[in-house]
Amino acid sequence: MKIEEKKNKTLGFLDDLEKETATLLERIFKARKEIQKVNSEKDVDMFIENNDLEKDFKHITLHL
């Protein structure tokens, strides 16, 4: 692989990662607001269902 191809591949990866990071920050902000509404087991289930922080990410994986 030529240098330019490697650079372009890396830049593409960085673009993808930047988008995923921005999405993750938005999801964290939303989850912080939503967690305040959790008061029961049903609420917990709804919170988990509606706040999948890593959904559809290609490069980011979270470990809780």
C-alpha atoms as a PDB file:
ATOM      1  CA  MET A   1       0.000   0.000   0.000  1.00  0.00           C
ATOM      2  CA  LYS A   2       1.356   3.378  -0.948  1.00  0.00           C
ATOM      3  CA  ILE A   3       1.898   6.130   1.593  1.00  0.00           C
ATOM      4  CA  GLU A   4      -0.983   8.242   0.252  1.00  0.00           C
ATOM      5  CA  GLU A   5      -3.376   5.290   0.474  1.00  0.00           C
ATOM      6  CA  LYS A   6      -2.337   4.629   4.067  1.00  0.00           C
ATOM      7  CA  LYS A   7      -2.760   8.289   4.951  1.00  0.00           C
ATOM      8  CA  ASN A   8      -6.210   8.402   3.355  1.00  0.00           C
ATOM      9  CA  LYS A   9      -7.239   5.206   5.140  1.00  0.00           C
ATOM     10  CA  THR A  10      -6.070   6.649   8.465  1.00  0.00           C
ATOM     11  CA  LEU A  11      -7.851   9.937   7.812  1.00  0.00           C
ATOM     12  CA  GLY A  12     -11.047   8.017   7.052  1.00  0.00           C
ATOM     13  CA  PHE A  13     -10.685   6.123  10.313  1.00  0.00           C
ATOM     14  CA  LEU A  14     -10.143   9.368  12.221  1.00  0.00           C
ATOM     15  CA  ASP A  15     -13.238  10.903  10.593  1.00  0.00           C
ATOM     16  CA  ASP A  16     -15.320   7.871  11.603  1.00  0.00           C
ATOM     17  CA  LEU A  17     -13.940   7.951  15.130  1.00  0.00           C
ATOM     18  CA  GLU A  18     -14.623  11.666  15.456  1.00  0.00           C
ATOM     19  CA  LYS A  19     -18.265  11.147  14.416  1.00  0.00           C
ATOM     20  CA  GLU A  20     -18.691   8.255  16.840  1.00  0.00           C
ATOM     21  CA  THR A  21     -17.140  10.282  19.637  1.00  0.00           C
ATOM     22  CA  ALA A  22     -19.523  13.193  19.016  1.00  0.00           C
ATOM     23  CA  THR A  23     -22.460  10.769  19.003  1.00  0.00           C
ATOM     24  CA  LEU A  24     -21.244   9.171  22.228  1.00  0.00           C
ATOM     25  CA  LEU A  25     -21.050  12.560  23.940  1.00  0.00           C
ATOM     26  CA  GLU A  26     -24.617  13.355  22.850  1.00  0.00           C
ATOM     27  CA  ARG A  27     -25.818   9.999  24.173  1.00  0.00           C
ATOM     28  CA  ILE A  28     -24.031  10.534  27.499  1.00  0.00           C
ATOM     29  CA  PHE A  29     -25.699  13.921  27.877  1.00  0.00           C
ATOM     30  CA  LYS A  30     -29.126  12.403  27.131  1.00  0.00           C
ATOM     31  CA  ALA A  31     -28.534   9.448  29.482  1.00  0.00           C
ATOM     32  CA  ARG A  32     -27.551  11.782  32.340  1.00  0.00           C
ATOM     33  CA  LYS A  33     -30.893  13.559  31.965  1.00  0.00           C
ATOM     34  CA  GLU A  34     -32.880  10.329  31.588  1.00  0.00           C
ATOM     35  CA  ILE A  35     -31.316   8.594  34.616  1.00  0.00           C
ATOM     36  CA  GLN A  36     -32.891  11.227  36.851  1.00  0.00           C
ATOM     37  CA  LYS A  37     -36.326   9.829  35.916  1.00  0.00           C
ATOM     38  CA  VAL A  38     -35.504   6.261  37.023  1.00  0.00           C
ATOM     39  CA  ASN A  39     -37.472   5.296  40.132  1.00  0.00           C
ATOM     40  CA  SER A  40     -38.567   1.693  39.571  1.00  0.00           C
ATOM     41  CA  GLU A  41     -37.524  -1.576  37.959  1.00  0.00           C
ATOM     42  CA  LYS A  42     -39.750  -0.728  34.986  1.00  0.00           C
ATOM     43  CA  ASP A  43     -37.972   2.621  34.669  1.00  0.00           C
ATOM     44  CA  VAL A  44     -34.613   0.830  34.709  1.00  0.00           C
ATOM     45  CA  ASP A  45     -35.706  -1.443  31.876  1.00  0.00           C
ATOM     46  CA  MET A  46     -36.941   1.520  29.831  1.00  0.00           C
ATOM     47  CA  PHE A  47     -33.732   3.434  30.530  1.00  0.00           C
ATOM     48  CA  ILE A  48     -31.592   0.545  29.323  1.00  0.00           C
ATOM     49  CA  GLU A  49     -33.743   0.066  26.239  1.00  0.00           C
ATOM     50  CA  ASN A  50     -33.656   3.759  25.317  1.00  0.00           C
ATOM     51  CA  ASN A  51     -30.019   4.514  26.138  1.00  0.00           C
ATOM     52  CA  ASP A  52     -27.754   2.087  24.303  1.00  0.00           C
ATOM     53  CA  LEU A  53     -24.608   4.195  24.377  1.00  0.00           C
ATOM     54  CA  GLU A  54     -22.632   2.151  21.846  1.00  0.00           C
ATOM     55  CA  LYS A  55     -25.383   1.226  19.363  1.00  0.00           C
ATOM     56  CA  ASP A  56     -24.154   1.084  15.749  1.00  0.00           C
ATOM     57  CA  PHE A  57     -20.567   2.034  16.594  1.00  0.00           C
ATOM     58  CA  LYS A  58     -17.878   0.524  14.436  1.00  0.00           C
ATOM     59  CA  HIS A  59     -14.831   1.631  16.416  1.00  0.00           C
ATOM     60  CA  ILE A  60     -15.992   2.344  19.972  1.00  0.00           C
ATOM     61  CA  THR A  61     -16.770  -0.406  22.455  1.00  0.00           C
ATOM     62  CA  LEU A  62     -17.721   0.311  26.047  1.00  0.00           C
ATOM     63  CA  HIS A  63     -17.002  -1.926  29.011  1.00  0.00           C
ATOM     64  CA  LEU A  64     -19.187  -1.389  32.066  1.00  0.00           C
END
